[in-house]
Amino acid sequence: MSTPSSRTVELEISNVAHGGVFVARLEGRVVFVPDTIPGERVRARIVDENEKRFWRAETLEVLEASEHRREHVWAEASIDRAPENRAGGAEFGHIDLAHQRALKHKVLTDALERFTGTATPFEVQPVADETADGTRWRTRVSLHVDADGNVGPYAARSHRVIPVTDLPLAVENVAKAATAALDGLPYKTTSVDIVAPSTGGIKVLSRTDDNTDAPGRRRKGRPARPAADPIRERVGDREFLVDAGGFWQVHRSAATTLQTAVIDAIDDAVFDPRAANLDLYGGVGLLAAAVGDRFGSTTRIVTVESDERATEYAGENLAEWVGAQAITARVDAFLRRELQNGSATDRARYAKATVVLDPPRSGAGREVVAMLSELRPASIVYVACDPVALARDIALFREGGYELGGLRGYDLFPNTHHLESVATFTPIAG
């Protein structure tokens, strides 16, 4: 059981940990401390003590600052505020961008060493159209409403709503729409999503106590939201039908970046357009469409997604690819069925297949990795939004007879701790 504490201490910050916090040691225990940078000395307040595992602290003052510290890009998340009044969602906003990427690289490297025993070389790349301070990239923002009518993001690690006057990570029209949307919210509103489709316009989606039990859509790492009207998102010359409240990459350039990354990761010499190629956790077909564009409209590819509405849209989005099919199913259930019911001919087609998977933040996990390893496709391309889950799954793929062939990181979430990565796997010879 954790023990509340309020004692003030001085801490030397020695490392970065997964989740946007940093590491110090006190009395032989690890202490997780936000709003700091490795190499700094800070005054902090211990807020959570756990004898068996770790302690948590909140930073009160920086006594010796890192050369990489800058003024926070979001004044309402700055260390100048009391810890309980700092807006969450930009936990790296006080660090210069190049060093943010170095820290994200270290988090994934440390996870790889812990799970696989090796440190695989890779780079963390910025997005091509990044602003100088890494702001104005979010096309989707979620704000919360508390019982007193305060509207804003939560404070870090709490459900305390922090009213704010700006949303610097949001694109300009989302930030402006957020301010306007807060006037005249429906009665009993508990949260508001503001969505800016790339095709133009703004969608404001209010969630109230009256519809909290409505059927939801899958969202990476977020609670389900009620279904909403469809929108269109443009990627290159193509448009994708998407549920306004459903999952879509939040960075304005993420969809294009990931399509390009996946196509670059596929080995042309290995890819067989007639094989049983798969796009797992496929959403509305973004990555399957990229594969179809690269290898031709008759390319065989099945996209599998558990969200029925997303699969419906995927079917429409992939209609011009005669070899594409969208299936509504849990990925584990689909793979289990393929292993149990597939004929020898089907299994032979999987042996030449390329599998693309983009799992939720929790990763693919042991069962899915084991079944994919048993299907034994010729190549696997894994899109990951969590470095620790990716490192764990890399170790699981190794157990299943696959080696890591390539790894690259993409900084699709500047000023936060999040990192998107693309890994490729091939069967270990022999």
Protein backbone atom coordinates (compact mmCIF):
# COMPACT_ATOMS: atom_id res chain seq x y z
CA MET A 1 0.00 0.00 0.00
CA SER A 2 1.32 3.47 -0.89
CA THR A 3 1.83 5.92 1.93
CA PRO A 4 1.02 9.63 1.46
CA SER A 5 3.94 11.92 2.26
CA SER A 6 4.70 15.62 2.12
CA ARG A 7 8.38 15.81 2.99
CA THR A 8 10.61 18.01 0.85
CA VAL A 9 13.95 16.68 -0.39
CA GLU A 10 16.74 17.51 -2.83
CA LEU A 11 17.19 15.00 -5.65
CA GLU A 12 19.78 14.37 -8.36
CA ILE A 13 18.07 13.30 -11.58
CA SER A 14 20.03 10.46 -13.16
CA ASN A 15 17.92 8.98 -15.96
CA VAL A 16 14.69 9.02 -17.93
CA ALA A 17 11.96 6.41 -17.43
CA HIS A 18 9.10 5.31 -19.63
CA GLY A 19 5.95 7.36 -19.18
CA GLY A 20 7.34 10.89 -19.19
CA VAL A 21 9.00 10.79 -15.77
CA PHE A 22 12.62 10.87 -14.66
CA VAL A 23 14.64 8.88 -12.17
CA ALA A 24 16.34 9.81 -8.92
CA ARG A 25 17.35 7.73 -5.90
CA LEU A 26 16.68 8.40 -2.27
CA GLU A 27 17.39 6.16 0.70
CA GLY A 28 18.14 3.28 -1.65
CA ARG A 29 14.84 3.56 -3.51
CA VAL A 30 13.97 4.69 -7.02
CA VAL A 31 11.99 7.92 -7.11
CA PHE A 32 10.05 8.93 -10.23
CA VAL A 33 10.06 12.70 -10.74
CA PRO A 34 8.26 14.64 -13.52
CA ASP A 35 9.20 18.06 -14.97
CA THR A 36 12.96 17.44 -14.75
CA ILE A 37 15.88 16.41 -17.00
CA PRO A 38 18.75 13.98 -16.31
CA GLY A 39 21.68 15.86 -14.79
CA GLU A 40 19.54 18.33 -12.88
CA ARG A 41 19.33 18.88 -9.14
CA VAL A 42 15.84 19.74 -7.92
CA ARG A 43 13.86 20.37 -4.79
CA ALA A 44 10.92 17.98 -4.74
CA ARG A 45 8.12 16.81 -2.52
CA ILE A 46 7.64 13.08 -1.95
CA VAL A 47 3.96 12.37 -2.62
CA ASP A 48 3.80 8.59 -2.78
CA GLU A 49 5.97 6.10 -0.86
CA ASN A 50 5.86 2.39 -1.55
CA GLU A 51 8.26 0.28 0.48
CA LYS A 52 8.45 -2.59 -1.99
CA ARG A 53 8.70 -0.82 -5.34
CA PHE A 54 9.29 2.90 -5.84
CA TRP A 55 8.37 6.37 -4.67
CA ARG A 56 6.92 9.30 -6.58
CA ALA A 57 7.72 12.96 -6.15
CA GLU A 58 6.65 16.27 -7.64
CA THR A 59 9.18 18.92 -8.60
CA LEU A 60 8.95 22.21 -6.75
CA GLU A 61 12.09 24.02 -7.90
CA VAL A 62 15.06 23.46 -10.19
CA LEU A 63 18.27 24.12 -8.26
CA GLU A 64 20.73 23.23 -11.02
CA ALA A 65 19.26 23.27 -14.52
CA SER A 66 20.27 21.17 -17.51
CA GLU A 67 21.66 22.90 -20.59
CA HIS A 68 18.73 21.30 -22.44
CA ARG A 69 16.05 23.05 -20.35
CA ARG A 70 13.99 25.74 -22.06
CA GLU A 71 10.92 27.76 -21.21
CA HIS A 72 7.96 25.39 -21.35
CA VAL A 73 5.98 25.61 -24.59
CA TRP A 74 2.78 25.58 -22.52
CA ALA A 75 2.68 28.17 -19.76
CA GLU A 76 -0.05 26.25 -17.96
CA ALA A 77 2.20 23.18 -17.69
CA SER A 78 5.25 25.12 -16.54
CA ILE A 79 7.21 24.38 -13.38
CA ASP A 80 6.41 27.96 -12.33
CA ARG A 81 2.96 26.67 -11.42
CA ALA A 82 2.08 24.63 -8.36
CA PRO A 83 2.37 20.91 -9.28
CA GLU A 84 -1.34 20.25 -8.79
CA ASN A 85 -2.19 23.04 -11.24
CA ARG A 86 0.07 21.96 -14.12
CA ALA A 87 -1.76 20.82 -17.23
CA GLY A 88 -0.88 17.32 -18.38
CA GLY A 89 -0.15 16.21 -21.92
CA ALA A 90 3.11 18.04 -22.70
CA GLU A 91 5.49 16.41 -20.23
CA PHE A 92 8.59 17.03 -22.38
CA GLY A 93 7.66 20.63 -23.22
CA HIS A 94 10.46 22.03 -21.04
CA ILE A 95 13.18 20.20 -23.01
CA ASP A 96 14.71 21.26 -26.32
CA LEU A 97 13.52 19.12 -29.22
CA ALA A 98 16.82 17.44 -30.09
CA HIS A 99 17.27 16.30 -26.50
CA GLN A 100 13.65 15.09 -26.35
CA ARG A 101 14.48 12.72 -29.18
CA ALA A 102 17.68 11.62 -27.44
CA LEU A 103 15.65 10.78 -24.33
CA LYS A 104 13.05 8.85 -26.34
CA HIS A 105 15.87 6.96 -28.01
CA LYS A 106 17.25 6.06 -24.59
CA VAL A 107 13.86 4.82 -23.32
CA LEU A 108 13.55 2.39 -26.23
CA THR A 109 17.23 1.41 -26.03
CA ASP A 110 16.93 0.67 -22.31
CA ALA A 111 13.78 -1.39 -22.95
CA LEU A 112 15.52 -3.37 -25.71
CA GLU A 113 18.46 -4.11 -23.44
CA ARG A 114 16.12 -5.21 -20.64
CA PHE A 115 13.95 -7.51 -22.78
CA THR A 116 16.37 -8.70 -25.48
CA GLY A 117 19.81 -8.20 -23.96
CA THR A 118 20.98 -6.17 -26.95
CA ALA A 119 20.93 -2.51 -28.02
CA THR A 120 19.78 -2.36 -31.63
CA PRO A 121 21.04 0.72 -33.54
CA PHE A 122 18.23 3.00 -34.74
CA GLU A 123 17.36 6.65 -35.25
CA VAL A 124 14.49 8.82 -34.02
CA GLN A 125 13.47 11.06 -36.89
CA PRO A 126 11.53 14.33 -36.70
CA VAL A 127 8.51 14.87 -38.92
CA ALA A 128 9.40 16.90 -42.01
CA ASP A 129 7.09 19.86 -41.30
CA GLU A 130 7.90 20.20 -37.59
CA THR A 131 7.71 23.72 -36.15
CA ALA A 132 10.75 25.20 -34.43
CA ASP A 133 9.32 24.48 -30.96
CA GLY A 134 7.40 21.29 -31.83
CA THR A 135 3.93 22.81 -31.41
CA ARG A 136 0.75 23.06 -33.55
CA TRP A 137 0.54 19.44 -34.70
CA ARG A 138 -2.48 17.94 -32.93
CA THR A 139 -5.59 17.67 -35.11
CA ARG A 140 -7.56 16.06 -32.29
CA VAL A 141 -7.90 17.28 -28.72
CA SER A 142 -9.93 15.92 -25.81
CA LEU A 143 -10.94 18.19 -22.93
CA HIS A 144 -12.72 17.26 -19.72
CA VAL A 145 -15.46 18.95 -17.73
CA ASP A 146 -15.62 18.67 -13.94
CA ALA A 147 -18.58 19.01 -11.60
CA ASP A 148 -17.94 22.74 -11.17
CA GLY A 149 -18.00 23.38 -14.91
CA ASN A 150 -14.23 23.78 -15.33
CA VAL A 151 -13.08 22.69 -18.79
CA GLY A 152 -9.57 21.65 -19.79
CA PRO A 153 -7.06 18.79 -19.78
CA TYR A 154 -6.36 16.74 -16.71
CA ALA A 155 -3.36 17.44 -14.53
CA ALA A 156 -0.73 14.71 -14.87
CA ARG A 157 -1.62 11.45 -13.10
CA SER A 158 -4.97 12.77 -11.88
CA HIS A 159 -8.54 13.53 -12.88
CA ARG A 160 -8.22 17.13 -11.76
CA VAL A 161 -9.38 19.41 -14.60
CA ILE A 162 -7.03 22.32 -15.34
CA PRO A 163 -8.67 25.28 -17.09
CA VAL A 164 -6.38 26.63 -19.83
CA THR A 165 -6.33 29.61 -22.17
CA ASP A 166 -4.35 27.95 -24.99
CA LEU A 167 -3.64 24.53 -26.46
CA PRO A 168 -0.19 25.01 -28.04
CA LEU A 169 0.17 21.45 -29.31
CA ALA A 170 -3.08 21.76 -31.27
CA VAL A 171 -3.25 23.11 -34.80
CA GLU A 172 -4.54 26.67 -34.88
CA ASN A 173 -8.12 25.92 -35.93
CA VAL A 174 -8.49 23.28 -33.20
CA ALA A 175 -7.13 25.66 -30.57
CA LYS A 176 -9.55 28.38 -31.68
CA ALA A 177 -12.48 25.97 -31.94
CA ALA A 178 -11.76 24.68 -28.44
CA THR A 179 -12.19 28.18 -27.00
CA ALA A 180 -15.44 28.71 -28.88
CA ALA A 181 -16.79 25.26 -28.08
CA LEU A 182 -16.66 25.83 -24.36
CA ASP A 183 -19.55 28.28 -24.51
CA GLY A 184 -22.96 26.64 -24.29
CA LEU A 185 -21.90 23.04 -23.72
CA PRO A 186 -24.79 20.58 -23.38
CA TYR A 187 -26.04 19.90 -19.88
CA LYS A 188 -24.12 17.13 -18.07
CA THR A 189 -21.22 17.27 -20.52
CA THR A 190 -18.25 15.29 -19.18
CA SER A 191 -15.80 15.67 -22.07
CA VAL A 192 -15.39 17.36 -25.43
CA ASP A 193 -13.44 16.18 -28.47
CA ILE A 194 -12.45 18.74 -31.09
CA VAL A 195 -11.48 17.20 -34.44
CA ALA A 196 -10.02 18.97 -37.48
CA PRO A 197 -10.19 16.71 -40.55
CA SER A 198 -7.52 17.31 -43.17
CA THR A 199 -10.27 17.94 -45.72
CA GLY A 200 -11.42 21.00 -43.77
CA GLY A 201 -13.96 21.99 -41.14
CA ILE A 202 -14.19 21.27 -37.44
CA LYS A 203 -16.13 18.64 -35.53
CA VAL A 204 -17.02 19.16 -31.87
CA LEU A 205 -18.13 15.98 -30.10
CA SER A 206 -19.61 16.29 -26.63
CA ARG A 207 -19.95 13.36 -24.30
CA THR A 208 -22.50 13.58 -21.51
CA ASP A 209 -23.60 11.44 -18.59
CA ASP A 210 -26.62 10.48 -20.68
CA ASN A 211 -24.63 8.55 -23.28
CA THR A 212 -21.76 7.07 -21.31
CA ASP A 213 -23.06 3.57 -22.06
CA ALA A 214 -23.35 4.14 -25.82
CA PRO A 215 -21.41 1.75 -28.06
CA GLY A 216 -17.84 3.04 -28.44
CA ARG A 217 -15.12 2.97 -31.02
CA ARG A 218 -11.61 1.61 -30.43
CA ARG A 219 -9.03 4.32 -29.72
CA LYS A 220 -5.35 3.66 -29.11
CA GLY A 221 -4.68 4.12 -25.45
CA ARG A 222 -7.90 6.08 -24.80
CA PRO A 223 -11.39 5.34 -23.46
CA ALA A 224 -14.08 4.46 -25.98
CA ARG A 225 -16.17 7.31 -27.37
CA PRO A 226 -19.71 7.27 -28.73
CA ALA A 227 -20.06 6.83 -32.49
CA ALA A 228 -20.18 10.08 -34.46
CA ASP A 229 -20.76 11.20 -38.03
CA PRO A 230 -18.09 10.16 -40.51
CA ILE A 231 -15.42 12.55 -41.72
CA ARG A 232 -12.90 12.33 -44.56
CA GLU A 233 -9.16 12.41 -44.07
CA ARG A 234 -6.87 13.06 -47.02
CA VAL A 235 -3.53 11.27 -47.32
CA GLY A 236 -1.68 12.15 -50.50
CA ASP A 237 -4.17 11.90 -53.34
CA ARG A 238 -6.55 9.62 -51.44
CA GLU A 239 -9.33 10.21 -48.96
CA PHE A 240 -10.33 7.89 -46.13
CA LEU A 241 -13.74 7.69 -44.53
CA VAL A 242 -13.29 7.74 -40.72
CA ASP A 243 -15.66 7.90 -37.78
CA ALA A 244 -15.21 11.39 -36.28
CA GLY A 245 -14.97 9.83 -32.83
CA GLY A 246 -12.87 6.86 -33.97
CA PHE A 247 -9.14 6.29 -34.13
CA TRP A 248 -7.00 8.31 -36.51
CA GLN A 249 -3.44 9.52 -36.07
CA VAL A 250 -3.45 12.86 -34.23
CA HIS A 251 -0.37 14.48 -35.82
CA ARG A 252 -1.27 16.32 -39.00
CA SER A 253 1.49 14.48 -40.91
CA ALA A 254 1.41 11.13 -39.11
CA ALA A 255 -0.71 9.21 -41.63
CA THR A 256 1.58 10.14 -44.52
CA THR A 257 4.70 9.48 -42.44
CA LEU A 258 3.56 6.01 -41.38
CA GLN A 259 2.37 5.00 -44.85
CA THR A 260 5.79 5.90 -46.21
CA ALA A 261 7.59 4.19 -43.32
CA VAL A 262 5.68 0.94 -43.80
CA ILE A 263 6.23 0.85 -47.55
CA ASP A 264 9.93 1.57 -47.06
CA ALA A 265 10.09 -1.28 -44.52
CA ILE A 266 8.58 -3.86 -46.91
CA ASP A 267 11.20 -5.78 -48.84
CA ASP A 268 10.21 -5.74 -52.53
CA ALA A 269 12.25 -8.90 -53.11
CA VAL A 270 10.20 -10.78 -50.51
CA PHE A 271 6.73 -9.31 -51.05
CA ASP A 272 4.35 -11.59 -52.99
CA PRO A 273 1.13 -9.85 -54.12
CA ARG A 274 -0.62 -13.24 -54.43
CA ALA A 275 0.21 -14.39 -50.91
CA ALA A 276 -2.14 -14.17 -47.91
CA ASN A 277 -0.89 -10.72 -46.89
CA LEU A 278 -2.41 -9.26 -43.73
CA ASP A 279 -3.00 -5.84 -42.18
CA LEU A 280 -3.75 -6.53 -38.51
CA TYR A 281 -5.41 -3.97 -36.22
CA GLY A 282 -6.09 -2.31 -39.56
CA GLY A 283 -8.52 0.44 -38.56
CA VAL A 284 -10.01 2.07 -41.65
CA GLY A 285 -7.43 0.59 -44.01
CA LEU A 286 -4.73 3.28 -44.02
CA LEU A 287 -1.77 0.89 -44.21
CA ALA A 288 -3.52 -1.69 -46.39
CA ALA A 289 -4.17 1.09 -48.92
CA ALA A 290 -0.49 2.01 -48.91
CA VAL A 291 0.41 -1.60 -49.69
CA GLY A 292 -2.18 -1.69 -52.49
CA ASP A 293 -0.87 1.54 -53.99
CA ARG A 294 2.69 0.27 -53.92
CA PHE A 295 2.14 -3.21 -55.34
CA GLY A 296 -1.01 -2.82 -57.45
CA SER A 297 -4.79 -2.98 -57.12
CA THR A 298 -4.89 -6.78 -57.46
CA THR A 299 -2.60 -7.27 -54.47
CA ARG A 300 -4.19 -9.65 -52.01
CA ILE A 301 -4.42 -8.14 -48.52
CA VAL A 302 -6.89 -8.74 -45.71
CA THR A 303 -7.31 -6.02 -43.09
CA VAL A 304 -8.54 -7.22 -39.69
CA GLU A 305 -10.09 -4.86 -37.14
CA SER A 306 -12.36 -5.52 -34.14
CA ASP A 307 -14.27 -2.22 -34.49
CA GLU A 308 -17.27 -2.93 -36.71
CA ARG A 309 -17.70 0.69 -37.80
CA ALA A 310 -14.01 1.03 -38.71
CA THR A 311 -14.17 -2.19 -40.72
CA GLU A 312 -17.23 -0.91 -42.56
CA TYR A 313 -15.30 2.20 -43.53
CA ALA A 314 -12.23 0.13 -44.42
CA GLY A 315 -14.36 -1.81 -46.90
CA GLU A 316 -15.36 1.46 -48.57
CA ASN A 317 -11.86 2.93 -48.41
CA LEU A 318 -10.35 -0.18 -50.04
CA ALA A 319 -13.10 -0.73 -52.62
CA GLU A 320 -10.90 0.04 -55.64
CA TRP A 321 -8.34 -2.61 -54.62
CA VAL A 322 -9.92 -5.78 -55.99
CA GLY A 323 -7.59 -7.95 -53.92
CA ALA A 324 -8.43 -6.24 -50.62
CA GLN A 325 -10.86 -7.49 -47.99
CA ALA A 326 -11.92 -6.00 -44.65
CA ILE A 327 -12.88 -8.38 -41.82
CA THR A 328 -14.38 -7.50 -38.45
CA ALA A 329 -12.71 -9.68 -35.83
CA ARG A 330 -10.38 -9.61 -32.89
CA VAL A 331 -6.89 -10.25 -34.17
CA ASP A 332 -6.28 -13.14 -31.78
CA ALA A 333 -9.57 -14.81 -32.79
CA PHE A 334 -8.80 -14.35 -36.50
CA LEU A 335 -5.33 -15.86 -36.22
CA ARG A 336 -6.61 -18.75 -34.11
CA ARG A 337 -9.23 -19.53 -36.73
CA GLU A 338 -6.66 -19.39 -39.53
CA LEU A 339 -4.39 -21.81 -37.69
CA GLN A 340 -7.21 -24.22 -36.88
CA ASN A 341 -9.10 -24.16 -40.17
CA GLY A 342 -6.56 -23.22 -42.79
CA SER A 343 -5.76 -25.79 -45.46
CA ALA A 344 -2.27 -26.75 -46.47
CA THR A 345 -2.65 -24.47 -49.49
CA ASP A 346 -3.64 -21.54 -47.25
CA ARG A 347 -0.67 -22.15 -44.98
CA ALA A 348 1.62 -22.18 -48.02
CA ARG A 349 0.30 -18.75 -49.03
CA TYR A 350 1.06 -17.44 -45.54
CA ALA A 351 4.62 -18.71 -45.90
CA LYS A 352 5.10 -16.13 -48.66
CA ALA A 353 3.05 -13.41 -47.00
CA THR A 354 3.91 -10.03 -45.53
CA VAL A 355 2.07 -9.10 -42.33
CA VAL A 356 1.66 -5.49 -41.25
CA LEU A 357 0.40 -4.94 -37.70
CA ASP A 358 -0.35 -1.75 -35.79
CA PRO A 359 -1.48 -2.90 -32.34
CA PRO A 360 -2.79 -0.70 -29.51
CA ARG A 361 -0.45 0.70 -26.87
CA SER A 362 -0.39 -2.58 -24.96
CA GLY A 363 1.30 -4.22 -27.97
CA ALA A 364 0.54 -7.47 -29.76
CA GLY A 365 1.31 -9.67 -26.75
CA ARG A 366 2.44 -13.24 -26.30
CA GLU A 367 -0.53 -15.06 -27.83
CA VAL A 368 -0.70 -12.99 -31.03
CA VAL A 369 3.08 -13.10 -31.51
CA ALA A 370 3.08 -16.88 -30.98
CA MET A 371 0.31 -17.43 -33.54
CA LEU A 372 1.98 -15.16 -36.10
CA SER A 373 5.22 -17.06 -35.57
CA GLU A 374 3.36 -20.32 -36.16
CA LEU A 375 1.84 -19.00 -39.42
CA ARG A 376 5.43 -18.22 -40.39
CA PRO A 377 5.00 -15.32 -42.86
CA ALA A 378 8.01 -14.28 -44.92
CA SER A 379 8.09 -10.79 -43.42
CA ILE A 380 6.47 -8.84 -40.57
CA VAL A 381 6.25 -5.04 -40.32
CA TYR A 382 5.28 -3.85 -36.84
CA VAL A 383 4.09 -0.29 -36.14
CA ALA A 384 4.42 0.48 -32.42
CA CYS A 385 3.24 3.39 -30.30
CA ASP A 386 4.79 2.16 -27.03
CA PRO A 387 8.54 1.45 -26.73
CA VAL A 388 8.30 -0.97 -23.80
CA ALA A 389 5.54 -3.03 -25.43
CA LEU A 390 7.57 -3.11 -28.65
CA ALA A 391 10.73 -4.28 -26.86
CA ARG A 392 8.77 -7.05 -25.12
CA ASP A 393 7.25 -8.17 -28.43
CA ILE A 394 10.65 -8.12 -30.14
CA ALA A 395 11.82 -10.60 -27.50
CA LEU A 396 8.70 -12.72 -28.08
CA PHE A 397 9.26 -12.75 -31.84
CA ARG A 398 12.80 -13.92 -31.21
CA GLU A 399 11.42 -16.79 -29.14
CA GLY A 400 9.13 -17.58 -32.10
CA GLY A 401 12.01 -17.76 -34.56
CA TYR A 402 12.08 -14.21 -35.97
CA GLU A 403 14.96 -11.76 -35.97
CA LEU A 404 14.74 -8.00 -35.94
CA GLY A 405 15.79 -6.79 -39.37
CA GLY A 406 15.30 -3.05 -38.99
CA LEU A 407 14.07 -0.45 -36.52
CA ARG A 408 13.30 3.24 -36.87
CA GLY A 409 11.66 5.77 -34.56
CA TYR A 410 9.44 8.68 -35.59
CA ASP A 411 8.85 11.67 -33.34
CA LEU A 412 5.15 12.05 -34.09
CA PHE A 413 4.39 13.48 -30.64
CA PRO A 414 6.80 16.39 -29.96
CA ASN A 415 6.79 17.77 -26.41
CA THR A 416 5.37 14.51 -25.07
CA HIS A 417 7.11 11.27 -24.07
CA HIS A 418 5.40 9.23 -26.80
CA LEU A 419 7.34 7.61 -29.63
CA GLU A 420 6.13 5.82 -32.77
CA SER A 421 8.40 3.09 -34.14
CA VAL A 422 8.45 0.76 -37.13
CA ALA A 423 10.21 -2.61 -36.83
CA THR A 424 10.68 -5.36 -39.39
CA PHE A 425 11.11 -9.09 -38.73
CA THR A 426 12.21 -12.01 -40.88
CA PRO A 427 12.38 -15.73 -40.06
CA ILE A 428 15.65 -16.89 -38.55
CA ALA A 429 17.31 -19.19 -41.05
CA GLY A 430 17.37 -22.86 -40.12
